[in-house]
Amino acid sequence: MKGNWKMKDAIISWKKRSLMMLLKIIKLYIPGFIKKKKMLELFRLTADAFQCEPPDLRRLTFARILSEYALFTKVQAEGYFQSSLPLDELKQRLYKNSYTYGQNLKKSFHIASREEAVAMLEVIYKLIEIDFKYEQDKFIIKRCFFSKYYSKEACKLLSSLDNGLAAGLLGGRLRFYQRIPEGCSCCKGYLKGGFLK
């Protein structure tokens, strides 16, 4: 019986080390086809939250899709601000769709610890050109691709996606206390809660 438990512990330990090594490699280099696939998924879930169709992006490069996503979300957010549509409902849809995205990543990669979930969060941010660094429940973003597109209002609205992703991956929430679009040199905040410490 003890031998079985030791074998299970050894397998779990090996899987955890393998996943962390994979995430470290992905942080250094993400293949183009994976970047494009994940960006298209993000585009679809965001368009769904805004209750509109995404543009046809199949023939575009990843860099072009990222720029189109930034413009699309900026235009959609500003349109919402000028309409009489309820913002809370949009925030809930953005959060819910991104939460599902995070949950799917968690299941696909068999993420079982806070460390693994945070590493995946860093990978996703790297994918969309956000320099996200996490340490002891605090995070800092020194560079954000979207900061040149978003107003402070759009940034706050679209951070519902950030919260959904964090909740889906580890059950936590990102709390910003400063943002680049507000005129700050970087974004800073806390990662609150989480399914594992």
C-alpha atoms as a PDB file:
ATOM      1  CA  MET A   1       0.000   0.000   0.000  1.00  0.00           C
ATOM      2  CA  LYS A   2       2.806   2.413   0.938  1.00  0.00           C
ATOM      3  CA  GLY A   3       4.538   1.602  -2.346  1.00  0.00           C
ATOM      4  CA  ASN A   4       1.430   2.659  -4.294  1.00  0.00           C
ATOM      5  CA  TRP A   5       1.277   6.005  -2.477  1.00  0.00           C
ATOM      6  CA  LYS A   6       4.977   6.624  -3.106  1.00  0.00           C
ATOM      7  CA  MET A   7       4.482   5.856  -6.801  1.00  0.00           C
ATOM      8  CA  LYS A   8       1.474   8.219  -7.019  1.00  0.00           C
ATOM      9  CA  ASP A   9       3.429  10.969  -5.224  1.00  0.00           C
ATOM     10  CA  ALA A  10       6.361  10.462  -7.604  1.00  0.00           C
ATOM     11  CA  ILE A  11       4.067  10.705 -10.656  1.00  0.00           C
ATOM     12  CA  ILE A  12       2.361  13.860  -9.334  1.00  0.00           C
ATOM     13  CA  SER A  13       5.753  15.423  -8.566  1.00  0.00           C
ATOM     14  CA  TRP A  14       7.035  14.560 -12.053  1.00  0.00           C
ATOM     15  CA  LYS A  15       3.909  16.008 -13.718  1.00  0.00           C
ATOM     16  CA  LYS A  16       4.219  19.218 -11.710  1.00  0.00           C
ATOM     17  CA  ARG A  17       7.895  19.652 -12.628  1.00  0.00           C
ATOM     18  CA  SER A  18       7.098  18.903 -16.285  1.00  0.00           C
ATOM     19  CA  LEU A  19       4.293  21.476 -16.380  1.00  0.00           C
ATOM     20  CA  MET A  20       6.425  24.177 -14.760  1.00  0.00           C
ATOM     21  CA  MET A  21       9.236  23.452 -17.229  1.00  0.00           C
ATOM     22  CA  LEU A  22       6.773  23.674 -20.139  1.00  0.00           C
ATOM     23  CA  LEU A  23       5.409  27.001 -18.848  1.00  0.00           C
ATOM     24  CA  LYS A  24       8.963  28.379 -18.472  1.00  0.00           C
ATOM     25  CA  ILE A  25       9.744  27.369 -22.066  1.00  0.00           C
ATOM     26  CA  ILE A  26       6.499  28.921 -23.330  1.00  0.00           C
ATOM     27  CA  LYS A  27       7.343  32.161 -21.486  1.00  0.00           C
ATOM     28  CA  LEU A  28      10.559  32.325 -23.511  1.00  0.00           C
ATOM     29  CA  TYR A  29       9.016  31.377 -26.850  1.00  0.00           C
ATOM     30  CA  ILE A  30       5.423  30.860 -27.977  1.00  0.00           C
ATOM     31  CA  PRO A  31       5.079  29.316 -31.458  1.00  0.00           C
ATOM     32  CA  GLY A  32       3.245  31.535 -33.953  1.00  0.00           C
ATOM     33  CA  PHE A  33       0.375  29.123 -34.648  1.00  0.00           C
ATOM     34  CA  ILE A  34      -0.399  28.837 -30.902  1.00  0.00           C
ATOM     35  CA  LYS A  35      -0.290  32.615 -30.489  1.00  0.00           C
ATOM     36  CA  LYS A  36      -2.706  33.070 -33.367  1.00  0.00           C
ATOM     37  CA  LYS A  37      -5.088  30.337 -32.165  1.00  0.00           C
ATOM     38  CA  LYS A  38      -5.266  31.740 -28.616  1.00  0.00           C
ATOM     39  CA  MET A  39      -5.665  35.303 -29.908  1.00  0.00           C
ATOM     40  CA  LEU A  40      -8.572  34.259 -32.132  1.00  0.00           C
ATOM     41  CA  GLU A  41     -10.213  32.547 -29.128  1.00  0.00           C
ATOM     42  CA  LEU A  42      -9.810  35.726 -27.073  1.00  0.00           C
ATOM     43  CA  PHE A  43     -11.252  37.799 -29.931  1.00  0.00           C
ATOM     44  CA  ARG A  44     -14.300  35.513 -30.209  1.00  0.00           C
ATOM     45  CA  LEU A  45     -15.084  35.483 -26.495  1.00  0.00           C
ATOM     46  CA  THR A  46     -14.730  39.275 -26.298  1.00  0.00           C
ATOM     47  CA  ALA A  47     -16.948  39.857 -29.337  1.00  0.00           C
ATOM     48  CA  ASP A  48     -19.499  37.494 -27.807  1.00  0.00           C
ATOM     49  CA  ALA A  49     -19.509  39.573 -24.607  1.00  0.00           C
ATOM     50  CA  PHE A  50     -20.098  42.723 -26.664  1.00  0.00           C
ATOM     51  CA  GLN A  51     -22.861  40.796 -28.476  1.00  0.00           C
ATOM     52  CA  CYS A  52     -21.425  41.321 -31.936  1.00  0.00           C
ATOM     53  CA  GLU A  53     -19.553  39.344 -34.561  1.00  0.00           C
ATOM     54  CA  PRO A  54     -15.752  39.515 -34.734  1.00  0.00           C
ATOM     55  CA  PRO A  55     -14.263  40.609 -38.061  1.00  0.00           C
ATOM     56  CA  ASP A  56     -12.818  38.027 -40.452  1.00  0.00           C
ATOM     57  CA  LEU A  57      -9.246  37.591 -39.219  1.00  0.00           C
ATOM     58  CA  ARG A  58      -8.236  34.260 -40.776  1.00  0.00           C
ATOM     59  CA  ARG A  59      -5.681  35.650 -43.214  1.00  0.00           C
ATOM     60  CA  LEU A  60      -4.058  38.113 -40.825  1.00  0.00           C
ATOM     61  CA  THR A  61      -0.780  37.679 -38.982  1.00  0.00           C
ATOM     62  CA  PHE A  62      -0.727  37.457 -35.207  1.00  0.00           C
ATOM     63  CA  ALA A  63       0.640  41.016 -34.900  1.00  0.00           C
ATOM     64  CA  ARG A  64      -2.163  42.353 -37.082  1.00  0.00           C
ATOM     65  CA  ILE A  65      -4.805  40.391 -35.127  1.00  0.00           C
ATOM     66  CA  LEU A  66      -3.474  41.853 -31.865  1.00  0.00           C
ATOM     67  CA  SER A  67      -3.728  45.394 -33.274  1.00  0.00           C
ATOM     68  CA  GLU A  68      -7.217  44.678 -34.615  1.00  0.00           C
ATOM     69  CA  TYR A  69      -8.232  43.355 -31.186  1.00  0.00           C
ATOM     70  CA  ALA A  70      -6.997  46.531 -29.486  1.00  0.00           C
ATOM     71  CA  LEU A  71      -8.934  48.717 -31.958  1.00  0.00           C
ATOM     72  CA  PHE A  72     -12.022  46.505 -31.779  1.00  0.00           C
ATOM     73  CA  THR A  73     -12.194  46.563 -27.975  1.00  0.00           C
ATOM     74  CA  LYS A  74     -11.523  50.323 -27.896  1.00  0.00           C
ATOM     75  CA  VAL A  75     -14.325  51.047 -30.377  1.00  0.00           C
ATOM     76  CA  GLN A  76     -16.757  48.660 -28.681  1.00  0.00           C
ATOM     77  CA  ALA A  77     -16.029  50.074 -25.212  1.00  0.00           C
ATOM     78  CA  GLU A  78     -16.416  53.672 -26.366  1.00  0.00           C
ATOM     79  CA  GLY A  79     -19.657  52.763 -28.127  1.00  0.00           C
ATOM     80  CA  TYR A  80     -20.981  51.322 -24.888  1.00  0.00           C
ATOM     81  CA  PHE A  81     -20.035  54.451 -22.949  1.00  0.00           C
ATOM     82  CA  GLN A  82     -22.045  56.581 -25.394  1.00  0.00           C
ATOM     83  CA  SER A  83     -25.066  54.270 -25.361  1.00  0.00           C
ATOM     84  CA  SER A  84     -27.646  53.819 -22.643  1.00  0.00           C
ATOM     85  CA  LEU A  85     -26.888  50.092 -22.391  1.00  0.00           C
ATOM     86  CA  PRO A  86     -26.111  48.841 -18.853  1.00  0.00           C
ATOM     87  CA  LEU A  87     -22.362  48.563 -18.219  1.00  0.00           C
ATOM     88  CA  ASP A  88     -22.772  46.067 -15.371  1.00  0.00           C
ATOM     89  CA  GLU A  89     -24.272  43.489 -17.726  1.00  0.00           C
ATOM     90  CA  LEU A  90     -21.367  43.929 -20.162  1.00  0.00           C
ATOM     91  CA  LYS A  91     -18.835  43.586 -17.330  1.00  0.00           C
ATOM     92  CA  GLN A  92     -20.533  40.353 -16.246  1.00  0.00           C
ATOM     93  CA  ARG A  93     -20.406  38.939 -19.787  1.00  0.00           C
ATOM     94  CA  LEU A  94     -16.728  39.889 -20.204  1.00  0.00           C
ATOM     95  CA  TYR A  95     -15.943  38.315 -16.832  1.00  0.00           C
ATOM     96  CA  LYS A  96     -17.964  35.151 -17.494  1.00  0.00           C
ATOM     97  CA  ASN A  97     -16.460  34.513 -20.941  1.00  0.00           C
ATOM     98  CA  SER A  98     -12.929  35.113 -19.713  1.00  0.00           C
ATOM     99  CA  TYR A  99     -13.582  32.942 -16.652  1.00  0.00           C
ATOM    100  CA  THR A 100     -14.526  30.059 -18.962  1.00  0.00           C
ATOM    101  CA  TYR A 101     -11.332  30.685 -20.979  1.00  0.00           C
ATOM    102  CA  GLY A 102      -9.284  30.472 -17.763  1.00  0.00           C
ATOM    103  CA  GLN A 103     -11.106  27.320 -16.619  1.00  0.00           C
ATOM    104  CA  ASN A 104     -10.416  25.665 -19.979  1.00  0.00           C
ATOM    105  CA  LEU A 105      -6.707  26.500 -19.689  1.00  0.00           C
ATOM    106  CA  LYS A 106      -6.670  25.124 -16.152  1.00  0.00           C
ATOM    107  CA  LYS A 107      -8.224  21.832 -17.293  1.00  0.00           C
ATOM    108  CA  SER A 108      -6.151  21.512 -20.487  1.00  0.00           C
ATOM    109  CA  PHE A 109      -2.853  21.995 -18.661  1.00  0.00           C
ATOM    110  CA  HIS A 110      -3.930  20.133 -15.483  1.00  0.00           C
ATOM    111  CA  ILE A 111      -3.062  23.141 -13.339  1.00  0.00           C
ATOM    112  CA  ALA A 112      -3.171  22.093  -9.692  1.00  0.00           C
ATOM    113  CA  SER A 113      -1.315  24.789  -7.747  1.00  0.00           C
ATOM    114  CA  ARG A 114      -1.231  28.545  -7.331  1.00  0.00           C
ATOM    115  CA  GLU A 115       2.325  28.598  -8.696  1.00  0.00           C
ATOM    116  CA  GLU A 116       1.248  26.872 -11.917  1.00  0.00           C
ATOM    117  CA  ALA A 117      -1.822  29.101 -12.299  1.00  0.00           C
ATOM    118  CA  VAL A 118       0.230  32.292 -11.893  1.00  0.00           C
ATOM    119  CA  ALA A 119       2.814  30.979 -14.388  1.00  0.00           C
ATOM    120  CA  MET A 120      -0.015  30.386 -16.898  1.00  0.00           C
ATOM    121  CA  LEU A 121      -1.359  33.890 -16.226  1.00  0.00           C
ATOM    122  CA  GLU A 122       2.103  35.290 -17.033  1.00  0.00           C
ATOM    123  CA  VAL A 123       2.181  33.243 -20.261  1.00  0.00           C
ATOM    124  CA  ILE A 124      -1.222  34.569 -21.381  1.00  0.00           C
ATOM    125  CA  TYR A 125      -0.178  38.154 -20.684  1.00  0.00           C
ATOM    126  CA  LYS A 126       3.085  37.648 -22.555  1.00  0.00           C
ATOM    127  CA  LEU A 127       1.052  36.361 -25.490  1.00  0.00           C
ATOM    128  CA  ILE A 128      -0.829  39.686 -25.729  1.00  0.00           C
ATOM    129  CA  GLU A 129       2.303  41.762 -25.081  1.00  0.00           C
ATOM    130  CA  ILE A 130       1.640  42.684 -21.467  1.00  0.00           C
ATOM    131  CA  ASP A 131       4.705  42.525 -19.213  1.00  0.00           C
ATOM    132  CA  PHE A 132       3.035  41.028 -16.122  1.00  0.00           C
ATOM    133  CA  LYS A 133       5.241  40.227 -13.121  1.00  0.00           C
ATOM    134  CA  TYR A 134       3.877  38.679  -9.920  1.00  0.00           C
ATOM    135  CA  GLU A 135       5.454  38.411  -6.491  1.00  0.00           C
ATOM    136  CA  GLN A 136       3.918  37.831  -3.044  1.00  0.00           C
ATOM    137  CA  ASP A 137       0.315  38.652  -4.015  1.00  0.00           C
ATOM    138  CA  LYS A 138       1.354  41.870  -5.809  1.00  0.00           C
ATOM    139  CA  PHE A 139       1.724  42.431  -9.526  1.00  0.00           C
ATOM    140  CA  ILE A 140       3.286  45.079 -11.714  1.00  0.00           C
ATOM    141  CA  ILE A 141       2.811  45.733 -15.434  1.00  0.00           C
ATOM    142  CA  LYS A 142       5.641  47.875 -16.797  1.00  0.00           C
ATOM    143  CA  ARG A 143       4.561  47.638 -20.418  1.00  0.00           C
ATOM    144  CA  CYS A 144       1.093  47.076 -21.863  1.00  0.00           C
ATOM    145  CA  PHE A 145       0.354  46.906 -25.579  1.00  0.00           C
ATOM    146  CA  PHE A 146      -3.183  48.207 -24.984  1.00  0.00           C
ATOM    147  CA  SER A 147      -2.224  51.314 -22.980  1.00  0.00           C
ATOM    148  CA  LYS A 148      -1.695  53.301 -26.204  1.00  0.00           C
ATOM    149  CA  TYR A 149      -5.251  52.463 -27.309  1.00  0.00           C
ATOM    150  CA  TYR A 150      -7.354  52.607 -24.133  1.00  0.00           C
ATOM    151  CA  SER A 151      -8.686  55.501 -22.127  1.00  0.00           C
ATOM    152  CA  LYS A 152      -8.706  54.999 -18.355  1.00  0.00           C
ATOM    153  CA  GLU A 153     -12.456  54.220 -18.572  1.00  0.00           C
ATOM    154  CA  ALA A 154     -11.914  51.584 -21.287  1.00  0.00           C
ATOM    155  CA  CYS A 155      -9.057  50.065 -19.304  1.00  0.00           C
ATOM    156  CA  LYS A 156     -11.245  49.759 -16.192  1.00  0.00           C
ATOM    157  CA  LEU A 157     -14.104  48.226 -18.180  1.00  0.00           C
ATOM    158  CA  LEU A 158     -11.923  45.707 -20.012  1.00  0.00           C
ATOM    159  CA  SER A 159     -10.161  44.658 -16.821  1.00  0.00           C
ATOM    160  CA  SER A 160     -13.294  42.517 -16.318  1.00  0.00           C
ATOM    161  CA  LEU A 161     -11.497  40.170 -18.740  1.00  0.00           C
ATOM    162  CA  ASP A 162      -8.440  40.154 -16.447  1.00  0.00           C
ATOM    163  CA  ASN A 163     -10.585  39.329 -13.425  1.00  0.00           C
ATOM    164  CA  GLY A 164     -12.399  36.533 -15.239  1.00  0.00           C
ATOM    165  CA  LEU A 165      -9.126  34.986 -16.393  1.00  0.00           C
ATOM    166  CA  ALA A 166      -7.603  35.144 -12.894  1.00  0.00           C
ATOM    167  CA  ALA A 167     -10.771  33.675 -11.362  1.00  0.00           C
ATOM    168  CA  GLY A 168     -10.917  30.876 -13.945  1.00  0.00           C
ATOM    169  CA  LEU A 169      -7.284  29.911 -13.447  1.00  0.00           C
ATOM    170  CA  LEU A 170      -6.974  30.192  -9.681  1.00  0.00           C
ATOM    171  CA  GLY A 171     -10.128  31.600  -8.143  1.00  0.00           C
ATOM    172  CA  GLY A 172      -8.552  34.984  -7.411  1.00  0.00           C
ATOM    173  CA  ARG A 173      -9.171  38.546  -8.540  1.00  0.00           C
ATOM    174  CA  LEU A 174      -6.824  41.229  -9.804  1.00  0.00           C
ATOM    175  CA  ARG A 175      -7.227  44.538  -7.942  1.00  0.00           C
ATOM    176  CA  PHE A 176      -5.566  47.456  -9.729  1.00  0.00           C
ATOM    177  CA  TYR A 177      -4.647  50.527  -7.707  1.00  0.00           C
ATOM    178  CA  GLN A 178      -2.876  52.335 -10.553  1.00  0.00           C
ATOM    179  CA  ARG A 179      -2.993  52.044 -14.341  1.00  0.00           C
ATOM    180  CA  ILE A 180      -0.878  53.292 -17.249  1.00  0.00           C
ATOM    181  CA  PRO A 181      -3.891  54.949 -19.010  1.00  0.00           C
ATOM    182  CA  GLU A 182      -4.407  57.044 -15.862  1.00  0.00           C
ATOM    183  CA  GLY A 183      -1.006  58.666 -16.475  1.00  0.00           C
ATOM    184  CA  CYS A 184       1.035  56.298 -14.272  1.00  0.00           C
ATOM    185  CA  SER A 185       4.365  54.842 -15.398  1.00  0.00           C
ATOM    186  CA  CYS A 186       3.090  51.299 -14.800  1.00  0.00           C
ATOM    187  CA  CYS A 187       0.068  49.339 -13.616  1.00  0.00           C
ATOM    188  CA  LYS A 188       0.157  47.951 -10.090  1.00  0.00           C
ATOM    189  CA  GLY A 189      -2.193  45.894  -8.000  1.00  0.00           C
ATOM    190  CA  TYR A 190      -2.880  42.826  -5.910  1.00  0.00           C
ATOM    191  CA  LEU A 191      -3.896  39.297  -6.738  1.00  0.00           C
ATOM    192  CA  LYS A 192      -6.544  38.600  -4.116  1.00  0.00           C
ATOM    193  CA  GLY A 193      -7.680  35.151  -3.074  1.00  0.00           C
ATOM    194  CA  GLY A 194      -7.072  31.968  -4.967  1.00  0.00           C
ATOM    195  CA  PHE A 195      -8.043  28.331  -4.767  1.00  0.00           C
ATOM    196  CA  LEU A 196      -4.596  27.341  -3.507  1.00  0.00           C
ATOM    197  CA  LYS A 197      -2.060  29.285  -1.441  1.00  0.00           C
END
